[in-house]
Amino acid sequence: MPLLKKDSALAFFDFLPELAQYDGKENQIARLNKRFAFLVAPFLTDIAGARVLDLGAHDGRWAYAFAGAGAAAVTAIEARADVAAQFQAFPETPFKGCISVRVQDVFVGLQASIAAKEQYDVIAIYGLLYHVMDHFRLLDLVRQLHPKLIIIDSDFIKQQGAIIRLVRERTDKNLNATPQIPGQSIAVKGIPSRAALEMMAQGLCYDVTWSDWDSLPPDQRSGVSDYYLSPDRNLRRATCTLRPQLLEQAFL
């Protein structure tokens, strides 16, 4: 696979059927391509030549996408060793070698990166924010790595106001929360509202910009309906970026 070209953005993940973990999952691959158009493609200028950190990286698919988009180095942190190991099956390309995968709890990994005085230009938090409890702590640890851009893709509760809803979730599914204490089978997680995320981000001196998923024509929304309003769903998925306010930049 060559480095990403602008006209190939909507087909970046078309190679995934070659991997065993995506066999027979055409709908999931189509969804990933549509998400790529909002989670990676708009930020090609930011990503080119950047050091990128991918938190809760699953099998490394987004880390692979960042590398394909021209990142200089990508670090992927994933807590589940068996899931992280699936990255080995990704195609050998000129850019795969710039990706390193760390099997760590996200909070432990962030603390280790801070202690090592690492810095990242871009930090991705995809499908993770609604699987943790300590949202403000997560964002504060991320802030200490001095990113120029944070990209968040998450479920948010639809209620008005700065609210976090606590829910329980099984830990034996690899797309769910990881155990918070040894042997835990049911984790407690918090799902924030958009206003709650904005309040936390602004408290850390970040400006928040929400991606315009409504720009995707209605006839192209198959597979990504969770990004749109539905009376049958209490959540709505959304994507946003955090960039340091000018006051914060002055202290970096």
C-alpha atoms as a PDB file:
ATOM      1  CA  MET A   1       0.000   0.000   0.000  1.00  0.00           C
ATOM      2  CA  PRO A   2       1.454   3.420  -0.955  1.00  0.00           C
ATOM      3  CA  LEU A   3       1.440   6.475   1.229  1.00  0.00           C
ATOM      4  CA  LEU A   4      -2.016   8.023   1.385  1.00  0.00           C
ATOM      5  CA  LYS A   5      -3.080  10.184  -1.519  1.00  0.00           C
ATOM      6  CA  LYS A   6      -5.898  12.661  -1.161  1.00  0.00           C
ATOM      7  CA  ASP A   7      -8.119  10.938  -3.738  1.00  0.00           C
ATOM      8  CA  SER A   8      -7.730   7.562  -1.986  1.00  0.00           C
ATOM      9  CA  ALA A   9      -8.905   8.716   1.446  1.00  0.00           C
ATOM     10  CA  LEU A  10     -12.334   7.082   1.258  1.00  0.00           C
ATOM     11  CA  ALA A  11     -10.804   3.720   0.392  1.00  0.00           C
ATOM     12  CA  PHE A  12      -7.885   3.580   2.816  1.00  0.00           C
ATOM     13  CA  PHE A  13      -9.128   0.519   4.693  1.00  0.00           C
ATOM     14  CA  ASP A  14     -10.034  -1.490   1.600  1.00  0.00           C
ATOM     15  CA  PHE A  15      -7.079  -3.804   2.293  1.00  0.00           C
ATOM     16  CA  LEU A  16      -8.575  -5.077   5.562  1.00  0.00           C
ATOM     17  CA  PRO A  17     -10.349  -8.137   4.067  1.00  0.00           C
ATOM     18  CA  GLU A  18      -6.844  -9.600   3.687  1.00  0.00           C
ATOM     19  CA  LEU A  19      -6.608  -9.797   7.503  1.00  0.00           C
ATOM     20  CA  ALA A  20      -8.187 -12.686   9.382  1.00  0.00           C
ATOM     21  CA  GLN A  21      -9.779 -10.451  12.023  1.00  0.00           C
ATOM     22  CA  TYR A  22     -11.775  -8.635   9.309  1.00  0.00           C
ATOM     23  CA  ASP A  23     -12.841 -11.660   7.278  1.00  0.00           C
ATOM     24  CA  GLY A  24     -16.518 -11.312   6.396  1.00  0.00           C
ATOM     25  CA  LYS A  25     -16.773  -7.849   8.001  1.00  0.00           C
ATOM     26  CA  GLU A  26     -17.412  -5.758   4.896  1.00  0.00           C
ATOM     27  CA  ASN A  27     -19.848  -3.463   6.712  1.00  0.00           C
ATOM     28  CA  GLN A  28     -17.279  -2.711   9.409  1.00  0.00           C
ATOM     29  CA  ILE A  29     -14.668  -1.896   6.777  1.00  0.00           C
ATOM     30  CA  ALA A  30     -17.065   0.432   4.953  1.00  0.00           C
ATOM     31  CA  ARG A  31     -17.733   2.151   8.294  1.00  0.00           C
ATOM     32  CA  LEU A  32     -14.012   2.576   8.924  1.00  0.00           C
ATOM     33  CA  ASN A  33     -13.555   4.196   5.519  1.00  0.00           C
ATOM     34  CA  LYS A  34     -16.359   6.668   6.202  1.00  0.00           C
ATOM     35  CA  ARG A  35     -14.901   7.476   9.613  1.00  0.00           C
ATOM     36  CA  PHE A  36     -11.469   7.919   8.049  1.00  0.00           C
ATOM     37  CA  ALA A  37     -12.922  10.811   6.061  1.00  0.00           C
ATOM     38  CA  PHE A  38     -13.625  12.646   9.339  1.00  0.00           C
ATOM     39  CA  LEU A  39     -10.971  11.257  11.715  1.00  0.00           C
ATOM     40  CA  VAL A  40      -7.858  11.417   9.525  1.00  0.00           C
ATOM     41  CA  ALA A  41      -8.372  13.029   6.120  1.00  0.00           C
ATOM     42  CA  PRO A  42      -9.164  16.567   7.416  1.00  0.00           C
ATOM     43  CA  PHE A  43      -5.909  16.606   9.399  1.00  0.00           C
ATOM     44  CA  LEU A  44      -3.376  15.542   6.775  1.00  0.00           C
ATOM     45  CA  THR A  45      -1.429  18.798   7.192  1.00  0.00           C
ATOM     46  CA  ASP A  46      -1.224  18.283  10.969  1.00  0.00           C
ATOM     47  CA  ILE A  47      -0.256  14.619  10.599  1.00  0.00           C
ATOM     48  CA  ALA A  48       2.447  14.987   7.933  1.00  0.00           C
ATOM     49  CA  GLY A  49       5.840  14.643   9.622  1.00  0.00           C
ATOM     50  CA  ALA A  50       4.219  14.553  13.080  1.00  0.00           C
ATOM     51  CA  ARG A  51       4.775  12.392  16.145  1.00  0.00           C
ATOM     52  CA  VAL A  52       1.393  10.782  16.794  1.00  0.00           C
ATOM     53  CA  LEU A  53       0.072   8.970  19.872  1.00  0.00           C
ATOM     54  CA  ASP A  54      -2.937   6.678  19.446  1.00  0.00           C
ATOM     55  CA  LEU A  55      -4.644   5.848  22.753  1.00  0.00           C
ATOM     56  CA  GLY A  56      -6.753   2.715  23.119  1.00  0.00           C
ATOM     57  CA  ALA A  57      -5.402   1.671  19.730  1.00  0.00           C
ATOM     58  CA  HIS A  58      -7.166  -1.716  19.413  1.00  0.00           C
ATOM     59  CA  ASP A  59      -5.360  -3.640  16.653  1.00  0.00           C
ATOM     60  CA  GLY A  60      -3.466  -0.581  15.422  1.00  0.00           C
ATOM     61  CA  ARG A  61      -5.730   0.235  12.491  1.00  0.00           C
ATOM     62  CA  TRP A  62      -5.799   3.976  13.187  1.00  0.00           C
ATOM     63  CA  ALA A  63      -2.085   4.012  13.989  1.00  0.00           C
ATOM     64  CA  TYR A  64      -1.574   2.401  10.579  1.00  0.00           C
ATOM     65  CA  ALA A  65      -3.767   5.083   9.013  1.00  0.00           C
ATOM     66  CA  PHE A  66      -1.778   7.882  10.653  1.00  0.00           C
ATOM     67  CA  ALA A  67       1.451   6.372   9.384  1.00  0.00           C
ATOM     68  CA  GLY A  68      -0.067   6.033   5.927  1.00  0.00           C
ATOM     69  CA  ALA A  69      -1.026   9.697   6.107  1.00  0.00           C
ATOM     70  CA  GLY A  70       2.625  10.645   6.512  1.00  0.00           C
ATOM     71  CA  ALA A  71       3.282  10.731  10.266  1.00  0.00           C
ATOM     72  CA  ALA A  72       6.983  10.538  11.108  1.00  0.00           C
ATOM     73  CA  ALA A  73       6.386   8.222  14.081  1.00  0.00           C
ATOM     74  CA  VAL A  74       3.273   6.682  15.622  1.00  0.00           C
ATOM     75  CA  THR A  75       2.997   5.175  19.085  1.00  0.00           C
ATOM     76  CA  ALA A  76      -0.048   2.992  19.743  1.00  0.00           C
ATOM     77  CA  ILE A  77      -1.097   2.111  23.292  1.00  0.00           C
ATOM     78  CA  GLU A  78      -3.491  -0.819  23.763  1.00  0.00           C
ATOM     79  CA  ALA A  79      -4.244  -2.586  27.049  1.00  0.00           C
ATOM     80  CA  ARG A  80      -5.239  -5.984  25.631  1.00  0.00           C
ATOM     81  CA  ALA A  81      -2.181  -7.951  24.510  1.00  0.00           C
ATOM     82  CA  ASP A  82      -4.137 -10.344  22.274  1.00  0.00           C
ATOM     83  CA  VAL A  83      -5.755  -7.457  20.410  1.00  0.00           C
ATOM     84  CA  ALA A  84      -2.501  -5.506  20.077  1.00  0.00           C
ATOM     85  CA  ALA A  85      -0.809  -8.615  18.647  1.00  0.00           C
ATOM     86  CA  GLN A  86      -3.160  -8.497  15.646  1.00  0.00           C
ATOM     87  CA  PHE A  87      -1.209  -5.517  14.343  1.00  0.00           C
ATOM     88  CA  GLN A  88       1.521  -7.893  13.229  1.00  0.00           C
ATOM     89  CA  ALA A  89      -0.778  -9.095  10.426  1.00  0.00           C
ATOM     90  CA  PHE A  90      -1.073  -5.634   8.837  1.00  0.00           C
ATOM     91  CA  PRO A  91       0.614  -5.363   5.432  1.00  0.00           C
ATOM     92  CA  GLU A  92       4.335  -4.670   5.353  1.00  0.00           C
ATOM     93  CA  THR A  93       4.543  -1.197   3.842  1.00  0.00           C
ATOM     94  CA  PRO A  94       7.203   1.524   3.774  1.00  0.00           C
ATOM     95  CA  PHE A  95       5.424   3.226   6.663  1.00  0.00           C
ATOM     96  CA  LYS A  96       4.607   0.285   8.957  1.00  0.00           C
ATOM     97  CA  GLY A  97       8.074   0.458  10.500  1.00  0.00           C
ATOM     98  CA  CYS A  98       7.409   3.882  11.989  1.00  0.00           C
ATOM     99  CA  ILE A  99       4.685   2.409  14.249  1.00  0.00           C
ATOM    100  CA  SER A 100       5.431   1.087  17.719  1.00  0.00           C
ATOM    101  CA  VAL A 101       2.771  -0.751  19.722  1.00  0.00           C
ATOM    102  CA  ARG A 102       2.841  -0.714  23.515  1.00  0.00           C
ATOM    103  CA  VAL A 103       0.724  -3.079  25.579  1.00  0.00           C
ATOM    104  CA  GLN A 104      -0.213  -0.870  28.512  1.00  0.00           C
ATOM    105  CA  ASP A 105      -3.132   0.530  30.414  1.00  0.00           C
ATOM    106  CA  VAL A 106      -3.707   3.952  28.867  1.00  0.00           C
ATOM    107  CA  PHE A 107      -3.219   5.833  32.136  1.00  0.00           C
ATOM    108  CA  VAL A 108      -0.062   3.882  32.965  1.00  0.00           C
ATOM    109  CA  GLY A 109       1.225   4.492  29.452  1.00  0.00           C
ATOM    110  CA  LEU A 110       0.563   8.224  29.626  1.00  0.00           C
ATOM    111  CA  GLN A 111       2.319   8.514  32.970  1.00  0.00           C
ATOM    112  CA  ALA A 112       5.311   6.608  31.579  1.00  0.00           C
ATOM    113  CA  SER A 113       5.437   8.880  28.530  1.00  0.00           C
ATOM    114  CA  ILE A 114       5.368  11.967  30.738  1.00  0.00           C
ATOM    115  CA  ALA A 115       8.130  10.571  32.955  1.00  0.00           C
ATOM    116  CA  ALA A 116      10.214   9.899  29.820  1.00  0.00           C
ATOM    117  CA  LYS A 117       9.605  13.518  28.716  1.00  0.00           C
ATOM    118  CA  GLU A 118       8.035  12.387  25.456  1.00  0.00           C
ATOM    119  CA  GLN A 119       6.178  14.903  23.335  1.00  0.00           C
ATOM    120  CA  TYR A 120       3.603  14.333  20.611  1.00  0.00           C
ATOM    121  CA  ASP A 121       2.224  16.659  17.968  1.00  0.00           C
ATOM    122  CA  VAL A 122      -1.064  14.809  17.502  1.00  0.00           C
ATOM    123  CA  ILE A 123      -2.898  12.606  20.004  1.00  0.00           C
ATOM    124  CA  ALA A 124      -5.895  10.497  18.993  1.00  0.00           C
ATOM    125  CA  ILE A 125      -8.550   9.356  21.467  1.00  0.00           C
ATOM    126  CA  TYR A 126     -10.845   7.207  19.334  1.00  0.00           C
ATOM    127  CA  GLY A 127     -13.512   5.035  20.962  1.00  0.00           C
ATOM    128  CA  LEU A 128     -11.948   5.436  24.401  1.00  0.00           C
ATOM    129  CA  LEU A 129     -13.422   8.458  26.169  1.00  0.00           C
ATOM    130  CA  TYR A 130     -16.722   6.701  26.935  1.00  0.00           C
ATOM    131  CA  HIS A 131     -14.949   3.640  28.363  1.00  0.00           C
ATOM    132  CA  VAL A 132     -13.193   5.421  31.240  1.00  0.00           C
ATOM    133  CA  MET A 133     -14.180   7.161  34.469  1.00  0.00           C
ATOM    134  CA  ASP A 134     -11.416   9.751  34.851  1.00  0.00           C
ATOM    135  CA  HIS A 135     -12.013  11.935  31.806  1.00  0.00           C
ATOM    136  CA  PHE A 136     -10.430  15.083  33.209  1.00  0.00           C
ATOM    137  CA  ARG A 137      -7.380  13.172  34.414  1.00  0.00           C
ATOM    138  CA  LEU A 138      -7.018  11.552  30.989  1.00  0.00           C
ATOM    139  CA  LEU A 139      -7.102  14.927  29.250  1.00  0.00           C
ATOM    140  CA  ASP A 140      -4.716  16.459  31.770  1.00  0.00           C
ATOM    141  CA  LEU A 141      -2.180  13.664  31.233  1.00  0.00           C
ATOM    142  CA  VAL A 142      -2.530  14.158  27.488  1.00  0.00           C
ATOM    143  CA  ARG A 143      -1.962  17.895  27.947  1.00  0.00           C
ATOM    144  CA  GLN A 144       1.376  17.208  29.644  1.00  0.00           C
ATOM    145  CA  LEU A 145       2.648  15.677  26.381  1.00  0.00           C
ATOM    146  CA  HIS A 146       2.209  19.106  24.740  1.00  0.00           C
ATOM    147  CA  PRO A 147       0.168  18.131  21.654  1.00  0.00           C
ATOM    148  CA  LYS A 148      -0.714  20.736  19.073  1.00  0.00           C
ATOM    149  CA  LEU A 149      -3.835  18.767  18.185  1.00  0.00           C
ATOM    150  CA  ILE A 150      -6.030  16.278  20.050  1.00  0.00           C
ATOM    151  CA  ILE A 151      -8.675  14.422  18.037  1.00  0.00           C
ATOM    152  CA  ILE A 152     -11.518  12.785  19.958  1.00  0.00           C
ATOM    153  CA  ASP A 153     -14.155  10.431  18.568  1.00  0.00           C
ATOM    154  CA  SER A 154     -16.638   9.205  21.145  1.00  0.00           C
ATOM    155  CA  ASP A 155     -20.191   8.495  22.136  1.00  0.00           C
ATOM    156  CA  PHE A 156     -21.801  11.363  24.052  1.00  0.00           C
ATOM    157  CA  ILE A 157     -25.058  11.396  25.988  1.00  0.00           C
ATOM    158  CA  LYS A 158     -27.690  13.599  24.363  1.00  0.00           C
ATOM    159  CA  GLN A 159     -28.868  15.390  27.503  1.00  0.00           C
ATOM    160  CA  GLN A 160     -28.302  19.123  27.782  1.00  0.00           C
ATOM    161  CA  GLY A 161     -25.795  20.423  30.309  1.00  0.00           C
ATOM    162  CA  ALA A 162     -22.371  19.323  31.510  1.00  0.00           C
ATOM    163  CA  ILE A 163     -23.265  15.783  32.590  1.00  0.00           C
ATOM    164  CA  ILE A 164     -21.485  12.445  32.895  1.00  0.00           C
ATOM    165  CA  ARG A 165     -23.687   9.342  33.058  1.00  0.00           C
ATOM    166  CA  LEU A 166     -22.320   6.299  34.887  1.00  0.00           C
ATOM    167  CA  VAL A 167     -23.038   2.895  33.384  1.00  0.00           C
ATOM    168  CA  ARG A 168     -21.779  -0.661  33.834  1.00  0.00           C
ATOM    169  CA  GLU A 169     -20.022  -2.587  31.098  1.00  0.00           C
ATOM    170  CA  ARG A 170     -18.663  -6.124  30.726  1.00  0.00           C
ATOM    171  CA  THR A 171     -14.897  -6.331  30.427  1.00  0.00           C
ATOM    172  CA  ASP A 172     -14.719  -9.617  28.491  1.00  0.00           C
ATOM    173  CA  LYS A 173     -15.391  -7.962  25.112  1.00  0.00           C
ATOM    174  CA  ASN A 174     -12.403  -6.402  23.395  1.00  0.00           C
ATOM    175  CA  LEU A 175     -14.285  -3.260  22.372  1.00  0.00           C
ATOM    176  CA  ASN A 176     -15.447  -2.594  25.936  1.00  0.00           C
ATOM    177  CA  ALA A 177     -13.792  -1.086  28.986  1.00  0.00           C
ATOM    178  CA  THR A 178     -10.801  -2.926  30.412  1.00  0.00           C
ATOM    179  CA  PRO A 179     -10.806  -4.110  34.052  1.00  0.00           C
ATOM    180  CA  GLN A 180     -10.142  -1.295  36.495  1.00  0.00           C
ATOM    181  CA  ILE A 181      -9.075  -3.710  39.238  1.00  0.00           C
ATOM    182  CA  PRO A 182      -7.715  -7.271  38.865  1.00  0.00           C
ATOM    183  CA  GLY A 183     -10.381  -9.836  38.040  1.00  0.00           C
ATOM    184  CA  GLN A 184     -13.116  -7.288  37.431  1.00  0.00           C
ATOM    185  CA  SER A 185     -15.809  -8.586  35.090  1.00  0.00           C
ATOM    186  CA  ILE A 186     -18.047  -5.502  35.167  1.00  0.00           C
ATOM    187  CA  ALA A 187     -16.442  -2.064  34.927  1.00  0.00           C
ATOM    188  CA  VAL A 188     -18.070   1.252  35.778  1.00  0.00           C
ATOM    189  CA  LYS A 189     -17.563   3.874  33.110  1.00  0.00           C
ATOM    190  CA  GLY A 190     -18.728   7.412  32.465  1.00  0.00           C
ATOM    191  CA  ILE A 191     -20.257   8.725  29.246  1.00  0.00           C
ATOM    192  CA  PRO A 192     -19.975  12.522  29.055  1.00  0.00           C
ATOM    193  CA  SER A 193     -22.205  14.999  27.302  1.00  0.00           C
ATOM    194  CA  ARG A 194     -20.675  17.289  24.706  1.00  0.00           C
ATOM    195  CA  ALA A 195     -21.009  20.181  27.149  1.00  0.00           C
ATOM    196  CA  ALA A 196     -19.096  18.197  29.783  1.00  0.00           C
ATOM    197  CA  LEU A 197     -16.245  17.561  27.351  1.00  0.00           C
ATOM    198  CA  GLU A 198     -16.192  21.237  26.414  1.00  0.00           C
ATOM    199  CA  MET A 199     -16.060  22.296  30.073  1.00  0.00           C
ATOM    200  CA  MET A 200     -13.168  19.927  30.829  1.00  0.00           C
ATOM    201  CA  ALA A 201     -11.256  20.950  27.717  1.00  0.00           C
ATOM    202  CA  GLN A 202     -11.718  24.647  28.363  1.00  0.00           C
ATOM    203  CA  GLY A 203     -10.590  24.128  31.958  1.00  0.00           C
ATOM    204  CA  LEU A 204      -7.329  22.808  30.499  1.00  0.00           C
ATOM    205  CA  CYS A 205      -7.024  25.797  28.118  1.00  0.00           C
ATOM    206  CA  TYR A 206      -8.130  24.046  24.932  1.00  0.00           C
ATOM    207  CA  ASP A 207     -10.446  25.344  22.239  1.00  0.00           C
ATOM    208  CA  VAL A 208     -12.963  22.759  21.013  1.00  0.00           C
ATOM    209  CA  THR A 209     -14.186  22.408  17.430  1.00  0.00           C
ATOM    210  CA  TRP A 210     -16.810  19.838  16.466  1.00  0.00           C
ATOM    211  CA  SER A 211     -16.621  18.057  13.119  1.00  0.00           C
ATOM    212  CA  ASP A 212     -19.585  18.533  10.811  1.00  0.00           C
ATOM    213  CA  TRP A 213     -20.873  15.001  10.320  1.00  0.00           C
ATOM    214  CA  ASP A 214     -24.066  16.515   8.908  1.00  0.00           C
ATOM    215  CA  SER A 215     -22.049  17.384   5.814  1.00  0.00           C
ATOM    216  CA  LEU A 216     -22.148  13.710   4.821  1.00  0.00           C
ATOM    217  CA  PRO A 217     -25.135  13.337   2.447  1.00  0.00           C
ATOM    218  CA  PRO A 218     -28.013  11.312   3.885  1.00  0.00           C
ATOM    219  CA  ASP A 219     -27.709   8.666   1.175  1.00  0.00           C
ATOM    220  CA  GLN A 220     -24.108   7.986   2.303  1.00  0.00           C
ATOM    221  CA  ARG A 221     -24.791   7.505   6.026  1.00  0.00           C
ATOM    222  CA  SER A 222     -25.303   3.759   5.989  1.00  0.00           C
ATOM    223  CA  GLY A 223     -23.128   2.179   8.660  1.00  0.00           C
ATOM    224  CA  VAL A 224     -22.533   5.415  10.575  1.00  0.00           C
ATOM    225  CA  SER A 225     -26.057   6.118  11.836  1.00  0.00           C
ATOM    226  CA  ASP A 226     -24.735   6.505  15.401  1.00  0.00           C
ATOM    227  CA  TYR A 227     -23.322   9.907  14.359  1.00  0.00           C
ATOM    228  CA  TYR A 228     -26.841  11.195  13.694  1.00  0.00           C
ATOM    229  CA  LEU A 229     -29.837  11.984  15.865  1.00  0.00           C
ATOM    230  CA  SER A 230     -32.082   9.041  16.569  1.00  0.00           C
ATOM    231  CA  PRO A 231     -35.087   8.982  18.909  1.00  0.00           C
ATOM    232  CA  ASP A 232     -34.291   5.335  19.685  1.00  0.00           C
ATOM    233  CA  ARG A 233     -30.768   5.954  20.987  1.00  0.00           C
ATOM    234  CA  ASN A 234     -29.738   7.849  24.111  1.00  0.00           C
ATOM    235  CA  LEU A 235     -26.271   8.486  22.726  1.00  0.00           C
ATOM    236  CA  ARG A 236     -24.883  10.266  19.706  1.00  0.00           C
ATOM    237  CA  ARG A 237     -21.376   9.713  18.449  1.00  0.00           C
ATOM    238  CA  ALA A 238     -19.339  12.788  17.515  1.00  0.00           C
ATOM    239  CA  THR A 239     -15.847  13.903  16.582  1.00  0.00           C
ATOM    240  CA  CYS A 240     -14.052  16.983  17.832  1.00  0.00           C
ATOM    241  CA  THR A 241     -10.620  18.557  17.959  1.00  0.00           C
ATOM    242  CA  LEU A 242      -8.877  20.263  20.847  1.00  0.00           C
ATOM    243  CA  ARG A 243      -6.188  22.839  20.149  1.00  0.00           C
ATOM    244  CA  PRO A 244      -4.265  24.812  22.799  1.00  0.00           C
ATOM    245  CA  GLN A 245      -5.503  28.317  23.419  1.00  0.00           C
ATOM    246  CA  LEU A 246      -2.969  31.040  22.737  1.00  0.00           C
ATOM    247  CA  LEU A 247      -2.481  31.631  26.474  1.00  0.00           C
ATOM    248  CA  GLU A 248      -1.526  27.977  26.968  1.00  0.00           C
ATOM    249  CA  GLN A 249       0.817  28.023  23.969  1.00  0.00           C
ATOM    250  CA  ALA A 250       2.781  30.841  25.534  1.00  0.00           C
ATOM    251  CA  PHE A 251       3.831  28.526  28.382  1.00  0.00           C
ATOM    252  CA  LEU A 252       4.874  25.524  26.240  1.00  0.00           C
END
